[in-house]
Amino acid sequence: MDEIVAIITETGLPFAYDHFAEGEVPEVPYLLYLNPANNNFAADGAAYFKVNEIHIELYTDHKDLSAEQTVEAVLDRHGIFYSKSETWIESEKLYEVLFF
């Protein structure tokens, strides 16, 4: 996880793992990241190649192409393959762009 923290730090955006503590949510844009699953290659009861799935969530109050491009540039610079989706979260009045 230290490697992903170092990569996310390069965006210059505030971030936290999974969520910010109550009362500590920064102004948008900000990032959340989490490791919801892994898909390790194993044989003979041993993991030979570990593959961690990482989700990076960008939150903004409007469609912020600049913030998206910042995250994309950092991921591209590190050769990290990603897919991207987005959704409007009505209850929070925020856009979520998910890099996974």
PDB file of N, CA and C in Angstrom:
ATOM      1  N   MET A   1       0.815  -1.205   0.000  1.00  0.00           N
ATOM      2  CA  MET A   1       0.000   0.000   0.000  1.00  0.00           C
ATOM      3  C   MET A   1       0.857   1.266   0.000  1.00  0.00           C
ATOM      4  N   ASP A   2       2.074   1.191   0.500  1.00  0.00           N
ATOM      5  CA  ASP A   2       2.932   2.376   0.517  1.00  0.00           C
ATOM      6  C   ASP A   2       3.149   2.924  -0.885  1.00  0.00           C
ATOM      7  N   GLU A   3       3.265   2.017  -1.866  1.00  0.00           N
ATOM      8  CA  GLU A   3       3.485   2.447  -3.249  1.00  0.00           C
ATOM      9  C   GLU A   3       2.282   3.225  -3.773  1.00  0.00           C
ATOM     10  N   ILE A   4       1.077   2.754  -3.511  1.00  0.00           N
ATOM     11  CA  ILE A   4      -0.106   3.465  -4.001  1.00  0.00           C
ATOM     12  C   ILE A   4      -0.257   4.805  -3.299  1.00  0.00           C
ATOM     13  N   VAL A   5       0.079   4.882  -2.024  1.00  0.00           N
ATOM     14  CA  VAL A   5       0.030   6.162  -1.303  1.00  0.00           C
ATOM     15  C   VAL A   5       1.004   7.146  -1.936  1.00  0.00           C
ATOM     16  N   ALA A   6       2.202   6.695  -2.270  1.00  0.00           N
ATOM     17  CA  ALA A   6       3.179   7.576  -2.910  1.00  0.00           C
ATOM     18  C   ALA A   6       2.669   8.068  -4.255  1.00  0.00           C
ATOM     19  N   ILE A   7       2.031   7.196  -5.014  1.00  0.00           N
ATOM     20  CA  ILE A   7       1.499   7.579  -6.327  1.00  0.00           C
ATOM     21  C   ILE A   7       0.368   8.584  -6.164  1.00  0.00           C
ATOM     22  N   ILE A   8      -0.571   8.319  -5.270  1.00  0.00           N
ATOM     23  CA  ILE A   8      -1.708   9.227  -5.069  1.00  0.00           C
ATOM     24  C   ILE A   8      -1.233  10.582  -4.559  1.00  0.00           C
ATOM     25  N   THR A   9      -0.210  10.601  -3.734  1.00  0.00           N
ATOM     26  CA  THR A   9       0.340  11.855  -3.218  1.00  0.00           C
ATOM     27  C   THR A   9       0.763  12.771  -4.359  1.00  0.00           C
ATOM     28  N   GLU A  10       1.249  12.200  -5.457  1.00  0.00           N
ATOM     29  CA  GLU A  10       1.692  12.986  -6.601  1.00  0.00           C
ATOM     30  C   GLU A  10       0.577  13.822  -7.233  1.00  0.00           C
ATOM     31  N   THR A  11      -0.670  13.474  -7.002  1.00  0.00           N
ATOM     32  CA  THR A  11      -1.773  14.257  -7.579  1.00  0.00           C
ATOM     33  C   THR A  11      -1.890  15.625  -6.929  1.00  0.00           C
ATOM     34  N   GLY A  12      -1.395  15.745  -5.703  1.00  0.00           N
ATOM     35  CA  GLY A  12      -1.533  16.999  -4.974  1.00  0.00           C
ATOM     36  C   GLY A  12      -2.906  17.202  -4.358  1.00  0.00           C
ATOM     37  N   LEU A  13      -3.777  16.209  -4.493  1.00  0.00           N
ATOM     38  CA  LEU A  13      -5.136  16.306  -3.934  1.00  0.00           C
ATOM     39  C   LEU A  13      -5.179  15.645  -2.564  1.00  0.00           C
ATOM     40  N   PRO A  14      -6.011  16.162  -1.662  1.00  0.00           N
ATOM     41  CA  PRO A  14      -6.166  15.486  -0.369  1.00  0.00           C
ATOM     42  C   PRO A  14      -6.780  14.099  -0.588  1.00  0.00           C
ATOM     43  N   PHE A  15      -6.377  13.130   0.235  1.00  0.00           N
ATOM     44  CA  PHE A  15      -6.897  11.777   0.066  1.00  0.00           C
ATOM     45  C   PHE A  15      -6.914  11.054   1.401  1.00  0.00           C
ATOM     46  N   ALA A  16      -7.697   9.967   1.414  1.00  0.00           N
ATOM     47  CA  ALA A  16      -7.781   9.105   2.593  1.00  0.00           C
ATOM     48  C   ALA A  16      -8.112   7.699   2.119  1.00  0.00           C
ATOM     49  N   TYR A  17      -7.818   6.721   2.968  1.00  0.00           N
ATOM     50  CA  TYR A  17      -8.213   5.352   2.679  1.00  0.00           C
ATOM     51  C   TYR A  17      -9.672   5.167   3.082  1.00  0.00           C
ATOM     52  N   ASP A  18     -10.518   4.789   2.126  1.00  0.00           N
ATOM     53  CA  ASP A  18     -11.931   4.468   2.311  1.00  0.00           C
ATOM     54  C   ASP A  18     -12.813   5.667   2.634  1.00  0.00           C
ATOM     55  N   HIS A  19     -12.450   6.461   3.636  1.00  0.00           N
ATOM     56  CA  HIS A  19     -13.285   7.610   4.008  1.00  0.00           C
ATOM     57  C   HIS A  19     -12.472   8.551   4.898  1.00  0.00           C
ATOM     58  N   PHE A  20     -12.939   9.767   4.982  1.00  0.00           N
ATOM     59  CA  PHE A  20     -12.360  10.719   5.927  1.00  0.00           C
ATOM     60  C   PHE A  20     -13.117  10.601   7.243  1.00  0.00           C
ATOM     61  N   ALA A  21     -12.444  10.885   8.329  1.00  0.00           N
ATOM     62  CA  ALA A  21     -13.112  10.882   9.631  1.00  0.00           C
ATOM     63  C   ALA A  21     -14.193  11.963   9.635  1.00  0.00           C
ATOM     64  N   GLU A  22     -15.230  11.730  10.399  1.00  0.00           N
ATOM     65  CA  GLU A  22     -16.324  12.693  10.493  1.00  0.00           C
ATOM     66  C   GLU A  22     -15.779  14.063  10.892  1.00  0.00           C
ATOM     67  N   GLY A  23     -16.184  15.071  10.150  1.00  0.00           N
ATOM     68  CA  GLY A  23     -15.742  16.437  10.417  1.00  0.00           C
ATOM     69  C   GLY A  23     -14.407  16.789   9.788  1.00  0.00           C
ATOM     70  N   GLU A  24     -13.760  15.840   9.117  1.00  0.00           N
ATOM     71  CA  GLU A  24     -12.443  16.086   8.507  1.00  0.00           C
ATOM     72  C   GLU A  24     -12.460  16.014   6.989  1.00  0.00           C
ATOM     73  N   VAL A  25     -13.649  16.020   6.382  1.00  0.00           N
ATOM     74  CA  VAL A  25     -13.748  15.955   4.926  1.00  0.00           C
ATOM     75  C   VAL A  25     -13.288  17.293   4.351  1.00  0.00           C
ATOM     76  N   PRO A  26     -12.282  17.255   3.450  1.00  0.00           N
ATOM     77  CA  PRO A  26     -11.769  18.503   2.875  1.00  0.00           C
ATOM     78  C   PRO A  26     -12.707  19.047   1.797  1.00  0.00           C
ATOM     79  N   GLU A  27     -12.406  20.235   1.337  1.00  0.00           N
ATOM     80  CA  GLU A  27     -13.124  20.790   0.196  1.00  0.00           C
ATOM     81  C   GLU A  27     -12.832  19.932  -1.030  1.00  0.00           C
ATOM     82  N   VAL A  28     -13.771  19.867  -1.950  1.00  0.00           N
ATOM     83  CA  VAL A  28     -13.545  19.146  -3.199  1.00  0.00           C
ATOM     84  C   VAL A  28     -12.606  19.950  -4.084  1.00  0.00           C
ATOM     85  N   PRO A  29     -11.845  19.324  -4.947  1.00  0.00           N
ATOM     86  CA  PRO A  29     -11.787  17.895  -5.195  1.00  0.00           C
ATOM     87  C   PRO A  29     -10.926  17.167  -4.170  1.00  0.00           C
ATOM     88  N   TYR A  30     -11.289  15.910  -3.927  1.00  0.00           N
ATOM     89  CA  TYR A  30     -10.483  15.045  -3.067  1.00  0.00           C
ATOM     90  C   TYR A  30     -10.595  13.612  -3.572  1.00  0.00           C
ATOM     91  N   LEU A  31      -9.712  12.767  -3.065  1.00  0.00           N
ATOM     92  CA  LEU A  31      -9.660  11.365  -3.475  1.00  0.00           C
ATOM     93  C   LEU A  31      -9.873  10.439  -2.285  1.00  0.00           C
ATOM     94  N   LEU A  32     -10.493   9.310  -2.568  1.00  0.00           N
ATOM     95  CA  LEU A  32     -10.531   8.191  -1.641  1.00  0.00           C
ATOM     96  C   LEU A  32      -9.976   6.991  -2.390  1.00  0.00           C
ATOM     97  N   TYR A  33      -9.285   6.113  -1.689  1.00  0.00           N
ATOM     98  CA  TYR A  33      -8.810   4.894  -2.331  1.00  0.00           C
ATOM     99  C   TYR A  33      -9.091   3.720  -1.409  1.00  0.00           C
ATOM    100  N   LEU A  34      -9.249   2.549  -2.017  1.00  0.00           N
ATOM    101  CA  LEU A  34      -9.443   1.353  -1.225  1.00  0.00           C
ATOM    102  C   LEU A  34      -9.019   0.127  -2.022  1.00  0.00           C
ATOM    103  N   ASN A  35      -8.822  -0.943  -1.317  1.00  0.00           N
ATOM    104  CA  ASN A  35      -8.392  -2.226  -1.878  1.00  0.00           C
ATOM    105  C   ASN A  35      -9.518  -3.228  -1.628  1.00  0.00           C
ATOM    106  N   PRO A  36     -10.549  -3.231  -2.489  1.00  0.00           N
ATOM    107  CA  PRO A  36     -11.724  -4.058  -2.214  1.00  0.00           C
ATOM    108  C   PRO A  36     -11.541  -5.559  -2.458  1.00  0.00           C
ATOM    109  N   ALA A  37     -10.510  -5.922  -3.230  1.00  0.00           N
ATOM    110  CA  ALA A  37     -10.331  -7.338  -3.550  1.00  0.00           C
ATOM    111  C   ALA A  37      -8.930  -7.587  -4.088  1.00  0.00           C
ATOM    112  N   ASN A  38      -8.592  -8.857  -4.207  1.00  0.00           N
ATOM    113  CA  ASN A  38      -7.365  -9.226  -4.914  1.00  0.00           C
ATOM    114  C   ASN A  38      -7.663 -10.449  -5.764  1.00  0.00           C
ATOM    115  N   ASN A  39      -6.795 -10.690  -6.714  1.00  0.00           N
ATOM    116  CA  ASN A  39      -6.958 -11.808  -7.627  1.00  0.00           C
ATOM    117  C   ASN A  39      -5.590 -12.461  -7.792  1.00  0.00           C
ATOM    118  N   ASN A  40      -5.143 -13.113  -6.737  1.00  0.00           N
ATOM    119  CA  ASN A  40      -3.808 -13.698  -6.734  1.00  0.00           C
ATOM    120  C   ASN A  40      -3.747 -14.957  -7.591  1.00  0.00           C
ATOM    121  N   PHE A  41      -2.591 -15.174  -8.215  1.00  0.00           N
ATOM    122  CA  PHE A  41      -2.322 -16.410  -8.924  1.00  0.00           C
ATOM    123  C   PHE A  41      -1.678 -17.350  -7.919  1.00  0.00           C
ATOM    124  N   ALA A  42      -2.287 -18.516  -7.756  1.00  0.00           N
ATOM    125  CA  ALA A  42      -1.788 -19.451  -6.755  1.00  0.00           C
ATOM    126  C   ALA A  42      -1.704 -20.859  -7.324  1.00  0.00           C
ATOM    127  N   ALA A  43      -0.787 -21.596  -6.772  1.00  0.00           N
ATOM    128  CA  ALA A  43      -0.653 -23.021  -7.092  1.00  0.00           C
ATOM    129  C   ALA A  43       0.010 -23.705  -5.907  1.00  0.00           C
ATOM    130  N   ASP A  44      -0.353 -24.935  -5.682  1.00  0.00           N
ATOM    131  CA  ASP A  44       0.226 -25.716  -4.589  1.00  0.00           C
ATOM    132  C   ASP A  44       0.087 -25.008  -3.241  1.00  0.00           C
ATOM    133  N   GLY A  45      -1.029 -24.312  -3.058  1.00  0.00           N
ATOM    134  CA  GLY A  45      -1.297 -23.659  -1.786  1.00  0.00           C
ATOM    135  C   GLY A  45      -0.476 -22.415  -1.510  1.00  0.00           C
ATOM    136  N   ALA A  46       0.165 -21.834  -2.544  1.00  0.00           N
ATOM    137  CA  ALA A  46       0.979 -20.630  -2.346  1.00  0.00           C
ATOM    138  C   ALA A  46       0.611 -19.592  -3.405  1.00  0.00           C
ATOM    139  N   ALA A  47       0.607 -18.340  -2.997  1.00  0.00           N
ATOM    140  CA  ALA A  47       0.358 -17.238  -3.927  1.00  0.00           C
ATOM    141  C   ALA A  47       1.672 -16.897  -4.629  1.00  0.00           C
ATOM    142  N   TYR A  48       1.737 -17.170  -5.917  1.00  0.00           N
ATOM    143  CA  TYR A  48       2.958 -16.914  -6.671  1.00  0.00           C
ATOM    144  C   TYR A  48       3.013 -15.502  -7.231  1.00  0.00           C
ATOM    145  N   PHE A  49       1.849 -14.957  -7.507  1.00  0.00           N
ATOM    146  CA  PHE A  49       1.784 -13.599  -8.061  1.00  0.00           C
ATOM    147  C   PHE A  49       0.576 -12.913  -7.450  1.00  0.00           C
ATOM    148  N   LYS A  50       0.826 -11.860  -6.690  1.00  0.00           N
ATOM    149  CA  LYS A  50      -0.254 -11.162  -6.001  1.00  0.00           C
ATOM    150  C   LYS A  50      -0.736  -9.980  -6.834  1.00  0.00           C
ATOM    151  N   VAL A  51      -2.049  -9.917  -7.022  1.00  0.00           N
ATOM    152  CA  VAL A  51      -2.667  -8.842  -7.793  1.00  0.00           C
ATOM    153  C   VAL A  51      -3.716  -8.184  -6.901  1.00  0.00           C
ATOM    154  N   ASN A  52      -3.442  -6.959  -6.479  1.00  0.00           N
ATOM    155  CA  ASN A  52      -4.387  -6.212  -5.652  1.00  0.00           C
ATOM    156  C   ASN A  52      -5.209  -5.287  -6.523  1.00  0.00           C
ATOM    157  N   GLU A  53      -6.508  -5.316  -6.328  1.00  0.00           N
ATOM    158  CA  GLU A  53      -7.409  -4.393  -7.017  1.00  0.00           C
ATOM    159  C   GLU A  53      -7.470  -3.112  -6.188  1.00  0.00           C
ATOM    160  N   ILE A  54      -7.196  -1.986  -6.829  1.00  0.00           N
ATOM    161  CA  ILE A  54      -7.238  -0.694  -6.147  1.00  0.00           C
ATOM    162  C   ILE A  54      -8.281   0.175  -6.818  1.00  0.00           C
ATOM    163  N   HIS A  55      -9.149   0.777  -6.042  1.00  0.00           N
ATOM    164  CA  HIS A  55     -10.107   1.760  -6.546  1.00  0.00           C
ATOM    165  C   HIS A  55      -9.665   3.132  -6.068  1.00  0.00           C
ATOM    166  N   ILE A  56      -9.633   4.076  -6.985  1.00  0.00           N
ATOM    167  CA  ILE A  56      -9.363   5.474  -6.651  1.00  0.00           C
ATOM    168  C   ILE A  56     -10.611   6.255  -7.039  1.00  0.00           C
ATOM    169  N   GLU A  57     -11.197   6.937  -6.074  1.00  0.00           N
ATOM    170  CA  GLU A  57     -12.432   7.678  -6.287  1.00  0.00           C
ATOM    171  C   GLU A  57     -12.144   9.171  -6.207  1.00  0.00           C
ATOM    172  N   LEU A  58     -12.468   9.890  -7.271  1.00  0.00           N
ATOM    173  CA  LEU A  58     -12.319  11.342  -7.315  1.00  0.00           C
ATOM    174  C   LEU A  58     -13.684  11.958  -7.081  1.00  0.00           C
ATOM    175  N   TYR A  59     -13.776  12.862  -6.110  1.00  0.00           N
ATOM    176  CA  TYR A  59     -15.036  13.539  -5.806  1.00  0.00           C
ATOM    177  C   TYR A  59     -14.910  15.021  -6.125  1.00  0.00           C
ATOM    178  N   THR A  60     -15.916  15.527  -6.866  1.00  0.00           N
ATOM    179  CA  THR A  60     -15.972  16.945  -7.234  1.00  0.00           C
ATOM    180  C   THR A  60     -17.419  17.409  -7.167  1.00  0.00           C
ATOM    181  N   ASP A  61     -17.610  18.716  -7.087  1.00  0.00           N
ATOM    182  CA  ASP A  61     -18.979  19.246  -7.059  1.00  0.00           C
ATOM    183  C   ASP A  61     -19.473  19.656  -8.439  1.00  0.00           C
ATOM    184  N   HIS A  62     -18.615  19.523  -9.447  1.00  0.00           N
ATOM    185  CA  HIS A  62     -18.975  19.750 -10.849  1.00  0.00           C
ATOM    186  C   HIS A  62     -18.069  18.872 -11.707  1.00  0.00           C
ATOM    187  N   LYS A  63     -18.402  18.735 -12.970  1.00  0.00           N
ATOM    188  CA  LYS A  63     -17.560  17.935 -13.867  1.00  0.00           C
ATOM    189  C   LYS A  63     -16.218  18.645 -13.988  1.00  0.00           C
ATOM    190  N   ASP A  64     -15.193  18.103 -13.338  1.00  0.00           N
ATOM    191  CA  ASP A  64     -13.882  18.752 -13.235  1.00  0.00           C
ATOM    192  C   ASP A  64     -12.856  17.995 -14.079  1.00  0.00           C
ATOM    193  N   LEU A  65     -12.786  18.354 -15.367  1.00  0.00           N
ATOM    194  CA  LEU A  65     -11.871  17.674 -16.279  1.00  0.00           C
ATOM    195  C   LEU A  65     -10.420  17.844 -15.867  1.00  0.00           C
ATOM    196  N   SER A  66     -10.084  18.990 -15.301  1.00  0.00           N
ATOM    197  CA  SER A  66      -8.710  19.234 -14.868  1.00  0.00           C
ATOM    198  C   SER A  66      -8.291  18.253 -13.773  1.00  0.00           C
ATOM    199  N   ALA A  67      -9.151  18.046 -12.787  1.00  0.00           N
ATOM    200  CA  ALA A  67      -8.841  17.102 -11.708  1.00  0.00           C
ATOM    201  C   ALA A  67      -8.740  15.678 -12.259  1.00  0.00           C
ATOM    202  N   GLU A  68      -9.630  15.306 -13.177  1.00  0.00           N
ATOM    203  CA  GLU A  68      -9.569  13.981 -13.785  1.00  0.00           C
ATOM    204  C   GLU A  68      -8.256  13.797 -14.545  1.00  0.00           C
ATOM    205  N   GLN A  69      -7.875  14.817 -15.316  1.00  0.00           N
ATOM    206  CA  GLN A  69      -6.640  14.740 -16.087  1.00  0.00           C
ATOM    207  C   GLN A  69      -5.419  14.652 -15.177  1.00  0.00           C
ATOM    208  N   THR A  70      -5.476  15.304 -14.027  1.00  0.00           N
ATOM    209  CA  THR A  70      -4.372  15.216 -13.063  1.00  0.00           C
ATOM    210  C   THR A  70      -4.189  13.776 -12.589  1.00  0.00           C
ATOM    211  N   VAL A  71      -5.288  13.142 -12.201  1.00  0.00           N
ATOM    212  CA  VAL A  71      -5.220  11.751 -11.741  1.00  0.00           C
ATOM    213  C   VAL A  71      -4.753  10.848 -12.877  1.00  0.00           C
ATOM    214  N   GLU A  72      -5.320  11.029 -14.067  1.00  0.00           N
ATOM    215  CA  GLU A  72      -4.946  10.203 -15.211  1.00  0.00           C
ATOM    216  C   GLU A  72      -3.458  10.345 -15.535  1.00  0.00           C
ATOM    217  N   ALA A  73      -2.940  11.572 -15.493  1.00  0.00           N
ATOM    218  CA  ALA A  73      -1.528  11.807 -15.809  1.00  0.00           C
ATOM    219  C   ALA A  73      -0.610  11.070 -14.843  1.00  0.00           C
ATOM    220  N   VAL A  74      -0.954  11.072 -13.563  1.00  0.00           N
ATOM    221  CA  VAL A  74      -0.137  10.369 -12.570  1.00  0.00           C
ATOM    222  C   VAL A  74      -0.200   8.859 -12.808  1.00  0.00           C
ATOM    223  N   LEU A  75      -1.395   8.328 -13.043  1.00  0.00           N
ATOM    224  CA  LEU A  75      -1.516   6.892 -13.303  1.00  0.00           C
ATOM    225  C   LEU A  75      -0.770   6.508 -14.577  1.00  0.00           C
ATOM    226  N   ASP A  76      -0.901   7.327 -15.621  1.00  0.00           N
ATOM    227  CA  ASP A  76      -0.195   7.056 -16.883  1.00  0.00           C
ATOM    228  C   ASP A  76       1.318   7.091 -16.693  1.00  0.00           C
ATOM    229  N   ARG A  77       1.793   8.056 -15.933  1.00  0.00           N
ATOM    230  CA  ARG A  77       3.234   8.200 -15.700  1.00  0.00           C
ATOM    231  C   ARG A  77       3.816   6.956 -15.033  1.00  0.00           C
ATOM    232  N   HIS A  78       2.997   6.290 -14.224  1.00  0.00           N
ATOM    233  CA  HIS A  78       3.454   5.089 -13.521  1.00  0.00           C
ATOM    234  C   HIS A  78       3.090   3.802 -14.264  1.00  0.00           C
ATOM    235  N   GLY A  79       2.538   3.945 -15.471  1.00  0.00           N
ATOM    236  CA  GLY A  79       2.198   2.773 -16.271  1.00  0.00           C
ATOM    237  C   GLY A  79       1.092   1.935 -15.668  1.00  0.00           C
ATOM    238  N   ILE A  80       0.171   2.583 -14.958  1.00  0.00           N
ATOM    239  CA  ILE A  80      -0.925   1.863 -14.317  1.00  0.00           C
ATOM    240  C   ILE A  80      -2.132   1.848 -15.248  1.00  0.00           C
ATOM    241  N   PHE A  81      -2.555   0.646 -15.623  1.00  0.00           N
ATOM    242  CA  PHE A  81      -3.742   0.487 -16.457  1.00  0.00           C
ATOM    243  C   PHE A  81      -4.972   0.736 -15.590  1.00  0.00           C
ATOM    244  N   TYR A  82      -5.956   1.433 -16.149  1.00  0.00           N
ATOM    245  CA  TYR A  82      -7.182   1.706 -15.401  1.00  0.00           C
ATOM    246  C   TYR A  82      -8.363   1.806 -16.351  1.00  0.00           C
ATOM    247  N   SER A  83      -9.524   1.560 -15.809  1.00  0.00           N
ATOM    248  CA  SER A  83     -10.793   1.877 -16.454  1.00  0.00           C
ATOM    249  C   SER A  83     -11.399   2.995 -15.633  1.00  0.00           C
ATOM    250  N   LYS A  84     -12.395   3.650 -16.184  1.00  0.00           N
ATOM    251  CA  LYS A  84     -12.965   4.816 -15.502  1.00  0.00           C
ATOM    252  C   LYS A  84     -14.478   4.809 -15.695  1.00  0.00           C
ATOM    253  N   SER A  85     -15.184   5.174 -14.638  1.00  0.00           N
ATOM    254  CA  SER A  85     -16.628   5.372 -14.722  1.00  0.00           C
ATOM    255  C   SER A  85     -16.971   6.578 -13.860  1.00  0.00           C
ATOM    256  N   GLU A  86     -18.162   7.106 -14.056  1.00  0.00           N
ATOM    257  CA  GLU A  86     -18.565   8.238 -13.222  1.00  0.00           C
ATOM    258  C   GLU A  86     -20.042   8.161 -12.908  1.00  0.00           C
ATOM    259  N   THR A  87     -20.395   8.804 -11.804  1.00  0.00           N
ATOM    260  CA  THR A  87     -21.788   8.867 -11.389  1.00  0.00           C
ATOM    261  C   THR A  87     -22.026  10.135 -10.588  1.00  0.00           C
ATOM    262  N   TRP A  88     -23.260  10.618 -10.595  1.00  0.00           N
ATOM    263  CA  TRP A  88     -23.678  11.750  -9.778  1.00  0.00           C
ATOM    264  C   TRP A  88     -24.321  11.171  -8.524  1.00  0.00           C
ATOM    265  N   ILE A  89     -23.850  11.593  -7.358  1.00  0.00           N
ATOM    266  CA  ILE A  89     -24.415  11.134  -6.092  1.00  0.00           C
ATOM    267  C   ILE A  89     -25.342  12.233  -5.592  1.00  0.00           C
ATOM    268  N   GLU A  90     -26.602  12.050  -5.845  1.00  0.00           N
ATOM    269  CA  GLU A  90     -27.605  13.086  -5.546  1.00  0.00           C
ATOM    270  C   GLU A  90     -27.599  13.482  -4.070  1.00  0.00           C
ATOM    271  N   SER A  91     -27.537  12.500  -3.174  1.00  0.00           N
ATOM    272  CA  SER A  91     -27.610  12.795  -1.740  1.00  0.00           C
ATOM    273  C   SER A  91     -26.433  13.634  -1.254  1.00  0.00           C
ATOM    274  N   GLU A  92     -25.290  13.528  -1.932  1.00  0.00           N
ATOM    275  CA  GLU A  92     -24.092  14.278  -1.537  1.00  0.00           C
ATOM    276  C   GLU A  92     -23.852  15.505  -2.407  1.00  0.00           C
ATOM    277  N   LYS A  93     -24.595  15.572  -3.533  1.00  0.00           N
ATOM    278  CA  LYS A  93     -24.388  16.639  -4.527  1.00  0.00           C
ATOM    279  C   LYS A  93     -22.945  16.636  -5.018  1.00  0.00           C
ATOM    280  N   LEU A  94     -22.436  15.437  -5.297  1.00  0.00           N
ATOM    281  CA  LEU A  94     -21.053  15.276  -5.748  1.00  0.00           C
ATOM    282  C   LEU A  94     -20.991  14.314  -6.933  1.00  0.00           C
ATOM    283  N   TYR A  95     -20.041  14.577  -7.823  1.00  0.00           N
ATOM    284  CA  TYR A  95     -19.683  13.618  -8.858  1.00  0.00           C
ATOM    285  C   TYR A  95     -18.614  12.688  -8.272  1.00  0.00           C
ATOM    286  N   GLU A  96     -18.737  11.426  -8.615  1.00  0.00           N
ATOM    287  CA  GLU A  96     -17.688  10.460  -8.291  1.00  0.00           C
ATOM    288  C   GLU A  96     -17.156   9.910  -9.608  1.00  0.00           C
ATOM    289  N   VAL A  97     -15.866  10.072  -9.826  1.00  0.00           N
ATOM    290  CA  VAL A  97     -15.202   9.434 -10.949  1.00  0.00           C
ATOM    291  C   VAL A  97     -14.365   8.318 -10.356  1.00  0.00           C
ATOM    292  N   LEU A  98     -14.648   7.111 -10.772  1.00  0.00           N
ATOM    293  CA  LEU A  98     -13.982   5.929 -10.238  1.00  0.00           C
ATOM    294  C   LEU A  98     -12.941   5.439 -11.222  1.00  0.00           C
ATOM    295  N   PHE A  99     -11.699   5.357 -10.748  1.00  0.00           N
ATOM    296  CA  PHE A  99     -10.605   4.758 -11.516  1.00  0.00           C
ATOM    297  C   PHE A  99     -10.382   3.379 -10.903  1.00  0.00           C
ATOM    298  N   PHE A 100     -10.506   2.325 -11.730  1.00  0.00           N
ATOM    299  CA  PHE A 100     -10.361   0.970 -11.205  1.00  0.00           C
ATOM    300  C   PHE A 100      -9.632   0.089 -12.193  1.00  0.00           C
TER     301      PHE A 100
END
